[in-house]
């Protein structure tokens, strides 16, 4: 590692996966909204329940986002297996799929969210609290340090490492073939080796990312929260990779203007 690492993100953590050693931190114990990074815990709880991955689930009106009014490629009435719902929730950050997993679990949404919070405490994530399974609520809060702990636990869930690092997939949704793509554009690109990737965005959270990358011969957890644009988030990730490789890092950050300041729109949790 060379030079001083300067990141655009408001909160950040870089951790050695094997040892848990902190390589870099920035306001890492401050709680803030995490948007769709929430879905990593959603996936863990869903897999813990060991329900039949071939069970067919149906998207209902209860899965429609009436908080942020985000779009979805899954229409009401769409059917996928539980395993496919999990895959598109992680890879493409499909909010309706994530809610369907919680809604159809034993205990319903409330029981599912309670299990998410219990698991956070089990992991020592004391700065973390969940109120839904999607991340659409800004009340889903965590810290960069807590998310680093969560990411290091993912080795016990190979489906999560597989699904979050898939660049794209096509599944049959009724009579249609529907394509889904990873919300992290770096996944599948030359020069990048991911073992975990989950993005998140709502206006209150900014651009977030929990990523696991293999660089300089070791696995590293990268947590970025509160970046003001997707470009700033992508630059931060590239800077962390270069820094851990001992390469020069451009110190000047990109523009900190948040897209919502111009467009005044509320975007989906991605």
C-alpha atoms as a PDB file:
ATOM      1  CA  UNK A   1       0.000   0.000   0.000  1.00  0.00           C
ATOM      2  CA  UNK A   2       1.340   3.383  -0.968  1.00  0.00           C
ATOM      3  CA  UNK A   3       0.476   6.975  -0.138  1.00  0.00           C
ATOM      4  CA  UNK A   4      -2.602   8.400   1.536  1.00  0.00           C
ATOM      5  CA  UNK A   5      -5.983   7.051   0.487  1.00  0.00           C
ATOM      6  CA  UNK A   6      -8.590   9.769  -0.010  1.00  0.00           C
ATOM      7  CA  UNK A   7     -12.131   8.645  -0.725  1.00  0.00           C
ATOM      8  CA  UNK A   8     -15.305  10.430  -1.794  1.00  0.00           C
ATOM      9  CA  UNK A   9     -17.540   8.243   0.377  1.00  0.00           C
ATOM     10  CA  UNK A  10     -18.626   9.694   3.714  1.00  0.00           C
ATOM     11  CA  UNK A  11     -18.005   6.390   5.511  1.00  0.00           C
ATOM     12  CA  UNK A  12     -15.619   3.624   4.530  1.00  0.00           C
ATOM     13  CA  UNK A  13     -13.851   0.516   5.738  1.00  0.00           C
ATOM     14  CA  UNK A  14     -11.210  -1.707   4.138  1.00  0.00           C
ATOM     15  CA  UNK A  15     -10.542  -5.007   5.913  1.00  0.00           C
ATOM     16  CA  UNK A  16      -8.336  -8.021   5.321  1.00  0.00           C
ATOM     17  CA  UNK A  17     -10.827 -10.881   4.972  1.00  0.00           C
ATOM     18  CA  UNK A  18      -8.571 -13.564   6.442  1.00  0.00           C
ATOM     19  CA  UNK A  19      -7.298 -11.721   9.515  1.00  0.00           C
ATOM     20  CA  UNK A  20      -9.960  -9.082  10.100  1.00  0.00           C
ATOM     21  CA  UNK A  21      -7.236  -6.442  10.252  1.00  0.00           C
ATOM     22  CA  UNK A  22      -8.406  -2.918   9.433  1.00  0.00           C
ATOM     23  CA  UNK A  23      -6.435  -1.533   6.487  1.00  0.00           C
ATOM     24  CA  UNK A  24      -8.333   1.765   6.216  1.00  0.00           C
ATOM     25  CA  UNK A  25     -11.296   3.411   7.898  1.00  0.00           C
ATOM     26  CA  UNK A  26     -13.209   6.655   7.600  1.00  0.00           C
ATOM     27  CA  UNK A  27     -15.992   7.427  10.116  1.00  0.00           C
ATOM     28  CA  UNK A  28     -16.466   3.674  10.247  1.00  0.00           C
ATOM     29  CA  UNK A  29     -18.496   3.580  13.477  1.00  0.00           C
ATOM     30  CA  UNK A  30     -21.088   6.189  12.479  1.00  0.00           C
ATOM     31  CA  UNK A  31     -24.530   4.783  11.648  1.00  0.00           C
ATOM     32  CA  UNK A  32     -26.157   5.845   8.388  1.00  0.00           C
ATOM     33  CA  UNK A  33     -28.789   4.509   5.950  1.00  0.00           C
ATOM     34  CA  UNK A  34     -27.558   1.594   3.829  1.00  0.00           C
ATOM     35  CA  UNK A  35     -30.273   1.173   1.161  1.00  0.00           C
ATOM     36  CA  UNK A  36     -30.100  -2.138  -0.740  1.00  0.00           C
ATOM     37  CA  UNK A  37     -26.953  -3.299   1.010  1.00  0.00           C
ATOM     38  CA  UNK A  38     -29.694  -4.487   3.388  1.00  0.00           C
ATOM     39  CA  UNK A  39     -30.297  -7.384   0.987  1.00  0.00           C
ATOM     40  CA  UNK A  40     -27.114  -9.138   2.114  1.00  0.00           C
ATOM     41  CA  UNK A  41     -28.736  -9.749   5.495  1.00  0.00           C
ATOM     42  CA  UNK A  42     -32.037 -10.545   3.778  1.00  0.00           C
ATOM     43  CA  UNK A  43     -30.257 -13.279   1.845  1.00  0.00           C
ATOM     44  CA  UNK A  44     -28.561 -14.687   4.938  1.00  0.00           C
ATOM     45  CA  UNK A  45     -31.815 -14.952   6.872  1.00  0.00           C
ATOM     46  CA  UNK A  46     -33.614 -16.437   3.872  1.00  0.00           C
ATOM     47  CA  UNK A  47     -30.926 -19.093   3.443  1.00  0.00           C
ATOM     48  CA  UNK A  48     -30.897 -19.790   7.193  1.00  0.00           C
ATOM     49  CA  UNK A  49     -34.543 -20.802   6.945  1.00  0.00           C
ATOM     50  CA  UNK A  50     -33.633 -23.637   4.549  1.00  0.00           C
ATOM     51  CA  UNK A  51     -36.891 -23.351   2.650  1.00  0.00           C
ATOM     52  CA  UNK A  52     -37.354 -25.163  -0.652  1.00  0.00           C
ATOM     53  CA  UNK A  53     -35.477 -23.151  -3.328  1.00  0.00           C
ATOM     54  CA  UNK A  54     -37.758 -24.695  -6.004  1.00  0.00           C
ATOM     55  CA  UNK A  55     -40.937 -23.402  -4.370  1.00  0.00           C
ATOM     56  CA  UNK A  56     -42.707 -21.045  -6.775  1.00  0.00           C
ATOM     57  CA  UNK A  57     -43.429 -17.589  -5.347  1.00  0.00           C
ATOM     58  CA  UNK A  58     -45.809 -15.013  -6.832  1.00  0.00           C
ATOM     59  CA  UNK A  59     -45.286 -11.252  -6.759  1.00  0.00           C
ATOM     60  CA  UNK A  60     -48.354  -9.595  -5.232  1.00  0.00           C
ATOM     61  CA  UNK A  61     -49.524  -6.047  -4.576  1.00  0.00           C
ATOM     62  CA  UNK A  62     -47.991  -6.395  -1.110  1.00  0.00           C
ATOM     63  CA  UNK A  63     -44.550  -6.423  -2.756  1.00  0.00           C
ATOM     64  CA  UNK A  64     -45.070  -3.131  -4.602  1.00  0.00           C
ATOM     65  CA  UNK A  65     -42.989  -0.242  -3.252  1.00  0.00           C
ATOM     66  CA  UNK A  66     -45.363   2.428  -1.957  1.00  0.00           C
ATOM     67  CA  UNK A  67     -42.602   4.254  -0.050  1.00  0.00           C
ATOM     68  CA  UNK A  68     -40.157   5.276  -2.794  1.00  0.00           C
ATOM     69  CA  UNK A  69     -42.320   4.194  -5.742  1.00  0.00           C
ATOM     70  CA  UNK A  70     -39.344   2.426  -7.287  1.00  0.00           C
ATOM     71  CA  UNK A  71     -39.662   0.564 -10.546  1.00  0.00           C
ATOM     72  CA  UNK A  72     -39.356  -3.201 -10.942  1.00  0.00           C
ATOM     73  CA  UNK A  73     -38.987  -5.661 -13.779  1.00  0.00           C
ATOM     74  CA  UNK A  74     -41.224  -8.075 -11.897  1.00  0.00           C
ATOM     75  CA  UNK A  75     -44.867  -7.313 -12.552  1.00  0.00           C
ATOM     76  CA  UNK A  76     -47.575  -8.208 -10.075  1.00  0.00           C
ATOM     77  CA  UNK A  77     -48.432 -11.816 -10.831  1.00  0.00           C
ATOM     78  CA  UNK A  78     -44.893 -12.716 -11.910  1.00  0.00           C
ATOM     79  CA  UNK A  79     -43.737 -16.099 -10.672  1.00  0.00           C
ATOM     80  CA  UNK A  80     -40.205 -17.271  -9.935  1.00  0.00           C
ATOM     81  CA  UNK A  81     -38.813 -19.971  -7.713  1.00  0.00           C
ATOM     82  CA  UNK A  82     -37.594 -18.945  -4.291  1.00  0.00           C
ATOM     83  CA  UNK A  83     -34.026 -19.503  -5.485  1.00  0.00           C
ATOM     84  CA  UNK A  84     -34.554 -17.258  -8.503  1.00  0.00           C
ATOM     85  CA  UNK A  85     -36.136 -14.562  -6.327  1.00  0.00           C
ATOM     86  CA  UNK A  86     -33.046 -14.634  -4.127  1.00  0.00           C
ATOM     87  CA  UNK A  87     -30.731 -14.410  -7.126  1.00  0.00           C
ATOM     88  CA  UNK A  88     -32.431 -11.385  -8.714  1.00  0.00           C
ATOM     89  CA  UNK A  89     -32.788  -9.689  -5.316  1.00  0.00           C
ATOM     90  CA  UNK A  90     -29.026  -9.888  -4.822  1.00  0.00           C
ATOM     91  CA  UNK A  91     -27.722  -9.431  -8.351  1.00  0.00           C
ATOM     92  CA  UNK A  92     -30.224  -6.904  -9.731  1.00  0.00           C
ATOM     93  CA  UNK A  93     -31.426  -5.537  -6.388  1.00  0.00           C
ATOM     94  CA  UNK A  94     -35.066  -6.376  -7.172  1.00  0.00           C
ATOM     95  CA  UNK A  95     -37.031  -4.942  -4.281  1.00  0.00           C
ATOM     96  CA  UNK A  96     -40.199  -6.900  -5.012  1.00  0.00           C
ATOM     97  CA  UNK A  97     -38.244 -10.161  -4.979  1.00  0.00           C
ATOM     98  CA  UNK A  98     -36.665  -9.301  -1.623  1.00  0.00           C
ATOM     99  CA  UNK A  99     -40.024  -8.443  -0.093  1.00  0.00           C
ATOM    100  CA  UNK A 100     -41.572 -11.629  -1.490  1.00  0.00           C
ATOM    101  CA  UNK A 101     -38.867 -13.692   0.237  1.00  0.00           C
ATOM    102  CA  UNK A 102     -39.710 -12.053   3.554  1.00  0.00           C
ATOM    103  CA  UNK A 103     -43.480 -12.103   3.040  1.00  0.00           C
ATOM    104  CA  UNK A 104     -43.603 -15.830   2.265  1.00  0.00           C
ATOM    105  CA  UNK A 105     -41.290 -16.868   5.089  1.00  0.00           C
ATOM    106  CA  UNK A 106     -42.481 -18.372   8.386  1.00  0.00           C
ATOM    107  CA  UNK A 107     -43.651 -15.449  10.501  1.00  0.00           C
ATOM    108  CA  UNK A 108     -44.131 -13.172   7.506  1.00  0.00           C
ATOM    109  CA  UNK A 109     -42.362  -9.823   7.048  1.00  0.00           C
ATOM    110  CA  UNK A 110     -42.354  -8.864  10.725  1.00  0.00           C
ATOM    111  CA  UNK A 111     -40.887 -12.185  11.798  1.00  0.00           C
ATOM    112  CA  UNK A 112     -38.321 -12.026   9.011  1.00  0.00           C
ATOM    113  CA  UNK A 113     -37.140  -8.527   9.963  1.00  0.00           C
ATOM    114  CA  UNK A 114     -36.920  -9.578  13.612  1.00  0.00           C
ATOM    115  CA  UNK A 115     -34.651 -12.442  12.503  1.00  0.00           C
ATOM    116  CA  UNK A 116     -32.494  -9.958  10.573  1.00  0.00           C
ATOM    117  CA  UNK A 117     -32.000  -7.875  13.711  1.00  0.00           C
ATOM    118  CA  UNK A 118     -31.244 -10.921  15.829  1.00  0.00           C
ATOM    119  CA  UNK A 119     -28.596 -12.021  13.369  1.00  0.00           C
ATOM    120  CA  UNK A 120     -27.044  -8.549  13.357  1.00  0.00           C
ATOM    121  CA  UNK A 121     -26.650  -8.774  17.137  1.00  0.00           C
ATOM    122  CA  UNK A 122     -25.229 -12.290  16.782  1.00  0.00           C
ATOM    123  CA  UNK A 123     -22.564 -10.878  14.446  1.00  0.00           C
ATOM    124  CA  UNK A 124     -21.740  -8.040  16.862  1.00  0.00           C
ATOM    125  CA  UNK A 125     -23.281  -5.436  14.567  1.00  0.00           C
ATOM    126  CA  UNK A 126     -24.352  -3.155  17.384  1.00  0.00           C
ATOM    127  CA  UNK A 127     -24.710  -0.076  15.172  1.00  0.00           C
ATOM    128  CA  UNK A 128     -27.144  -1.810  12.829  1.00  0.00           C
ATOM    129  CA  UNK A 129     -30.946  -1.867  12.721  1.00  0.00           C
ATOM    130  CA  UNK A 130     -33.339  -3.131  10.044  1.00  0.00           C
ATOM    131  CA  UNK A 131     -37.004  -2.271   9.497  1.00  0.00           C
ATOM    132  CA  UNK A 132     -37.547  -3.944   6.115  1.00  0.00           C
ATOM    133  CA  UNK A 133     -36.000  -6.581   3.861  1.00  0.00           C
ATOM    134  CA  UNK A 134     -35.442  -4.322   0.847  1.00  0.00           C
ATOM    135  CA  UNK A 135     -33.506  -1.296   2.095  1.00  0.00           C
ATOM    136  CA  UNK A 136     -36.060   1.159   0.756  1.00  0.00           C
ATOM    137  CA  UNK A 137     -36.577   2.618   4.227  1.00  0.00           C
ATOM    138  CA  UNK A 138     -33.927   5.111   5.372  1.00  0.00           C
ATOM    139  CA  UNK A 139     -34.412   3.615   8.841  1.00  0.00           C
ATOM    140  CA  UNK A 140     -32.339   0.618   7.761  1.00  0.00           C
ATOM    141  CA  UNK A 141     -29.086   1.769   9.358  1.00  0.00           C
ATOM    142  CA  UNK A 142     -25.599   0.378   9.801  1.00  0.00           C
ATOM    143  CA  UNK A 143     -21.952   1.360  10.082  1.00  0.00           C
ATOM    144  CA  UNK A 144     -19.047   0.658   7.750  1.00  0.00           C
ATOM    145  CA  UNK A 145     -17.431  -1.395  10.514  1.00  0.00           C
ATOM    146  CA  UNK A 146     -20.586  -3.489  10.985  1.00  0.00           C
ATOM    147  CA  UNK A 147     -20.909  -4.119   7.261  1.00  0.00           C
ATOM    148  CA  UNK A 148     -17.292  -5.212   7.211  1.00  0.00           C
ATOM    149  CA  UNK A 149     -18.156  -7.807   9.858  1.00  0.00           C
ATOM    150  CA  UNK A 150     -21.135  -8.921   7.815  1.00  0.00           C
ATOM    151  CA  UNK A 151     -19.067  -9.319   4.645  1.00  0.00           C
ATOM    152  CA  UNK A 152     -16.512 -11.513   6.375  1.00  0.00           C
ATOM    153  CA  UNK A 153     -19.345 -13.883   7.378  1.00  0.00           C
ATOM    154  CA  UNK A 154     -20.425 -14.420   3.788  1.00  0.00           C
ATOM    155  CA  UNK A 155     -18.063 -17.374   3.319  1.00  0.00           C
ATOM    156  CA  UNK A 156     -20.686 -19.462   5.095  1.00  0.00           C
ATOM    157  CA  UNK A 157     -23.175 -18.622   2.337  1.00  0.00           C
ATOM    158  CA  UNK A 158     -21.714 -19.665  -1.037  1.00  0.00           C
ATOM    159  CA  UNK A 159     -24.997 -18.823  -2.793  1.00  0.00           C
ATOM    160  CA  UNK A 160     -24.484 -15.173  -1.845  1.00  0.00           C
ATOM    161  CA  UNK A 161     -20.960 -15.031  -3.241  1.00  0.00           C
ATOM    162  CA  UNK A 162     -22.211 -16.750  -6.400  1.00  0.00           C
ATOM    163  CA  UNK A 163     -25.331 -14.641  -6.946  1.00  0.00           C
ATOM    164  CA  UNK A 164     -23.762 -11.255  -6.157  1.00  0.00           C
ATOM    165  CA  UNK A 165     -20.843 -11.831  -8.526  1.00  0.00           C
ATOM    166  CA  UNK A 166     -22.917 -12.963 -11.511  1.00  0.00           C
ATOM    167  CA  UNK A 167     -22.857 -10.335 -14.272  1.00  0.00           C
ATOM    168  CA  UNK A 168     -26.252 -11.240 -15.691  1.00  0.00           C
ATOM    169  CA  UNK A 169     -28.878 -13.915 -16.146  1.00  0.00           C
ATOM    170  CA  UNK A 170     -32.032 -14.671 -18.098  1.00  0.00           C
ATOM    171  CA  UNK A 171     -34.995 -16.394 -16.465  1.00  0.00           C
ATOM    172  CA  UNK A 172     -38.464 -17.365 -17.620  1.00  0.00           C
ATOM    173  CA  UNK A 173     -41.088 -15.117 -16.042  1.00  0.00           C
ATOM    174  CA  UNK A 174     -44.342 -16.661 -17.148  1.00  0.00           C
ATOM    175  CA  UNK A 175     -44.206 -16.842 -20.938  1.00  0.00           C
ATOM    176  CA  UNK A 176     -41.495 -14.171 -21.171  1.00  0.00           C
ATOM    177  CA  UNK A 177     -37.727 -14.435 -20.974  1.00  0.00           C
ATOM    178  CA  UNK A 178     -36.527 -11.662 -18.686  1.00  0.00           C
ATOM    179  CA  UNK A 179     -32.902 -10.506 -18.493  1.00  0.00           C
ATOM    180  CA  UNK A 180     -31.390  -9.182 -15.277  1.00  0.00           C
ATOM    181  CA  UNK A 181     -28.006  -7.521 -14.805  1.00  0.00           C
ATOM    182  CA  UNK A 182     -25.697  -6.846 -11.882  1.00  0.00           C
ATOM    183  CA  UNK A 183     -26.043  -3.355 -10.422  1.00  0.00           C
ATOM    184  CA  UNK A 184     -22.241  -3.131 -10.062  1.00  0.00           C
ATOM    185  CA  UNK A 185     -20.886  -2.423 -13.572  1.00  0.00           C
ATOM    186  CA  UNK A 186     -17.399  -3.630 -12.599  1.00  0.00           C
ATOM    187  CA  UNK A 187     -18.593  -7.208 -12.030  1.00  0.00           C
ATOM    188  CA  UNK A 188     -17.436  -9.346 -14.926  1.00  0.00           C
ATOM    189  CA  UNK A 189     -15.077  -6.679 -16.253  1.00  0.00           C
ATOM    190  CA  UNK A 190     -11.462  -7.454 -17.091  1.00  0.00           C
ATOM    191  CA  UNK A 191      -9.073  -6.688 -14.253  1.00  0.00           C
ATOM    192  CA  UNK A 192     -11.626  -7.237 -11.474  1.00  0.00           C
ATOM    193  CA  UNK A 193     -11.987 -10.350  -9.322  1.00  0.00           C
ATOM    194  CA  UNK A 194     -15.008 -10.112  -7.026  1.00  0.00           C
ATOM    195  CA  UNK A 195     -16.065 -12.632  -4.411  1.00  0.00           C
ATOM    196  CA  UNK A 196     -18.882 -10.363  -3.147  1.00  0.00           C
ATOM    197  CA  UNK A 197     -20.718  -7.324  -4.468  1.00  0.00           C
ATOM    198  CA  UNK A 198     -23.843  -5.488  -3.319  1.00  0.00           C
ATOM    199  CA  UNK A 199     -24.709  -1.922  -4.218  1.00  0.00           C
ATOM    200  CA  UNK A 200     -27.308   0.330  -2.619  1.00  0.00           C
ATOM    201  CA  UNK A 201     -28.937   3.678  -3.263  1.00  0.00           C
ATOM    202  CA  UNK A 202     -31.713   5.820  -1.929  1.00  0.00           C
ATOM    203  CA  UNK A 203     -31.469   9.590  -1.622  1.00  0.00           C
ATOM    204  CA  UNK A 204     -30.928   9.432   2.122  1.00  0.00           C
ATOM    205  CA  UNK A 205     -28.088   6.894   1.865  1.00  0.00           C
ATOM    206  CA  UNK A 206     -26.226   8.093  -1.200  1.00  0.00           C
ATOM    207  CA  UNK A 207     -24.328   5.493  -3.184  1.00  0.00           C
ATOM    208  CA  UNK A 208     -23.255   2.501  -1.108  1.00  0.00           C
ATOM    209  CA  UNK A 209     -21.286  -0.650  -1.821  1.00  0.00           C
ATOM    210  CA  UNK A 210     -20.110  -3.705   0.048  1.00  0.00           C
ATOM    211  CA  UNK A 211     -17.592  -5.553  -2.084  1.00  0.00           C
ATOM    212  CA  UNK A 212     -15.141  -8.380  -1.697  1.00  0.00           C
ATOM    213  CA  UNK A 213     -12.217  -8.212  -4.093  1.00  0.00           C
ATOM    214  CA  UNK A 214      -9.102 -10.269  -4.576  1.00  0.00           C
ATOM    215  CA  UNK A 215      -6.150  -7.952  -5.048  1.00  0.00           C
ATOM    216  CA  UNK A 216      -2.433  -8.048  -4.296  1.00  0.00           C
ATOM    217  CA  UNK A 217      -2.755 -11.756  -3.556  1.00  0.00           C
ATOM    218  CA  UNK A 218      -5.329 -11.434  -0.792  1.00  0.00           C
ATOM    219  CA  UNK A 219      -9.056 -11.075  -0.257  1.00  0.00           C
ATOM    220  CA  UNK A 220     -10.166  -7.637   0.881  1.00  0.00           C
ATOM    221  CA  UNK A 221     -13.535  -6.336   2.100  1.00  0.00           C
ATOM    222  CA  UNK A 222     -14.407  -2.836   0.860  1.00  0.00           C
ATOM    223  CA  UNK A 223     -17.311  -0.925   2.418  1.00  0.00           C
ATOM    224  CA  UNK A 224     -18.325   2.414   0.909  1.00  0.00           C
ATOM    225  CA  UNK A 225     -21.282   4.470   2.179  1.00  0.00           C
ATOM    226  CA  UNK A 226     -22.607   7.905   1.337  1.00  0.00           C
ATOM    227  CA  UNK A 227     -20.891   8.585  -1.990  1.00  0.00           C
ATOM    228  CA  UNK A 228     -22.625  11.417  -3.822  1.00  0.00           C
ATOM    229  CA  UNK A 229     -22.714   9.739  -7.239  1.00  0.00           C
ATOM    230  CA  UNK A 230     -22.168   6.358  -8.846  1.00  0.00           C
ATOM    231  CA  UNK A 231     -19.019   7.771 -10.451  1.00  0.00           C
ATOM    232  CA  UNK A 232     -17.638   8.765  -7.053  1.00  0.00           C
ATOM    233  CA  UNK A 233     -18.390   5.295  -5.702  1.00  0.00           C
ATOM    234  CA  UNK A 234     -16.721   3.608  -8.674  1.00  0.00           C
ATOM    235  CA  UNK A 235     -13.678   5.847  -8.325  1.00  0.00           C
ATOM    236  CA  UNK A 236     -13.407   4.996  -4.638  1.00  0.00           C
ATOM    237  CA  UNK A 237     -13.424   1.279  -5.403  1.00  0.00           C
ATOM    238  CA  UNK A 238     -10.753   1.704  -8.065  1.00  0.00           C
ATOM    239  CA  UNK A 239      -8.653   3.784  -5.667  1.00  0.00           C
ATOM    240  CA  UNK A 240      -8.883   1.137  -2.949  1.00  0.00           C
ATOM    241  CA  UNK A 241      -7.780  -1.532  -5.403  1.00  0.00           C
ATOM    242  CA  UNK A 242      -4.814   0.542  -6.586  1.00  0.00           C
ATOM    243  CA  UNK A 243      -3.871   1.467  -3.024  1.00  0.00           C
ATOM    244  CA  UNK A 244      -3.862  -2.130  -1.814  1.00  0.00           C
ATOM    245  CA  UNK A 245      -1.677  -3.000  -4.807  1.00  0.00           C
ATOM    246  CA  UNK A 246       0.820  -0.291  -3.862  1.00  0.00           C
ATOM    247  CA  UNK A 247       0.024   1.737  -6.981  1.00  0.00           C
ATOM    248  CA  UNK A 248      -0.230   5.550  -7.121  1.00  0.00           C
ATOM    249  CA  UNK A 249      -3.699   6.864  -6.282  1.00  0.00           C
ATOM    250  CA  UNK A 250      -5.102  10.063  -7.727  1.00  0.00           C
ATOM    251  CA  UNK A 251      -5.853  12.252  -4.720  1.00  0.00           C
ATOM    252  CA  UNK A 252      -8.411  14.589  -6.288  1.00  0.00           C
ATOM    253  CA  UNK A 253     -11.985  13.365  -5.693  1.00  0.00           C
ATOM    254  CA  UNK A 254     -14.688  13.568  -8.342  1.00  0.00           C
ATOM    255  CA  UNK A 255     -17.578  16.030  -8.088  1.00  0.00           C
ATOM    256  CA  UNK A 256     -19.587  15.616  -4.905  1.00  0.00           C
ATOM    257  CA  UNK A 257     -22.832  16.815  -6.505  1.00  0.00           C
ATOM    258  CA  UNK A 258     -25.600  14.331  -5.809  1.00  0.00           C
ATOM    259  CA  UNK A 259     -27.838  13.600  -8.826  1.00  0.00           C
ATOM    260  CA  UNK A 260     -30.973  14.184  -6.758  1.00  0.00           C
ATOM    261  CA  UNK A 261     -29.908  17.802  -6.204  1.00  0.00           C
ATOM    262  CA  UNK A 262     -30.475  18.417  -9.917  1.00  0.00           C
ATOM    263  CA  UNK A 263     -33.339  16.105 -10.738  1.00  0.00           C
ATOM    264  CA  UNK A 264     -35.293  16.184  -7.465  1.00  0.00           C
ATOM    265  CA  UNK A 265     -36.344  12.566  -8.008  1.00  0.00           C
ATOM    266  CA  UNK A 266     -36.416   9.607  -5.663  1.00  0.00           C
ATOM    267  CA  UNK A 267     -34.678   6.623  -7.238  1.00  0.00           C
ATOM    268  CA  UNK A 268     -34.946   2.930  -6.489  1.00  0.00           C
ATOM    269  CA  UNK A 269     -32.897   1.227  -3.826  1.00  0.00           C
ATOM    270  CA  UNK A 270     -30.093  -0.245  -5.912  1.00  0.00           C
END
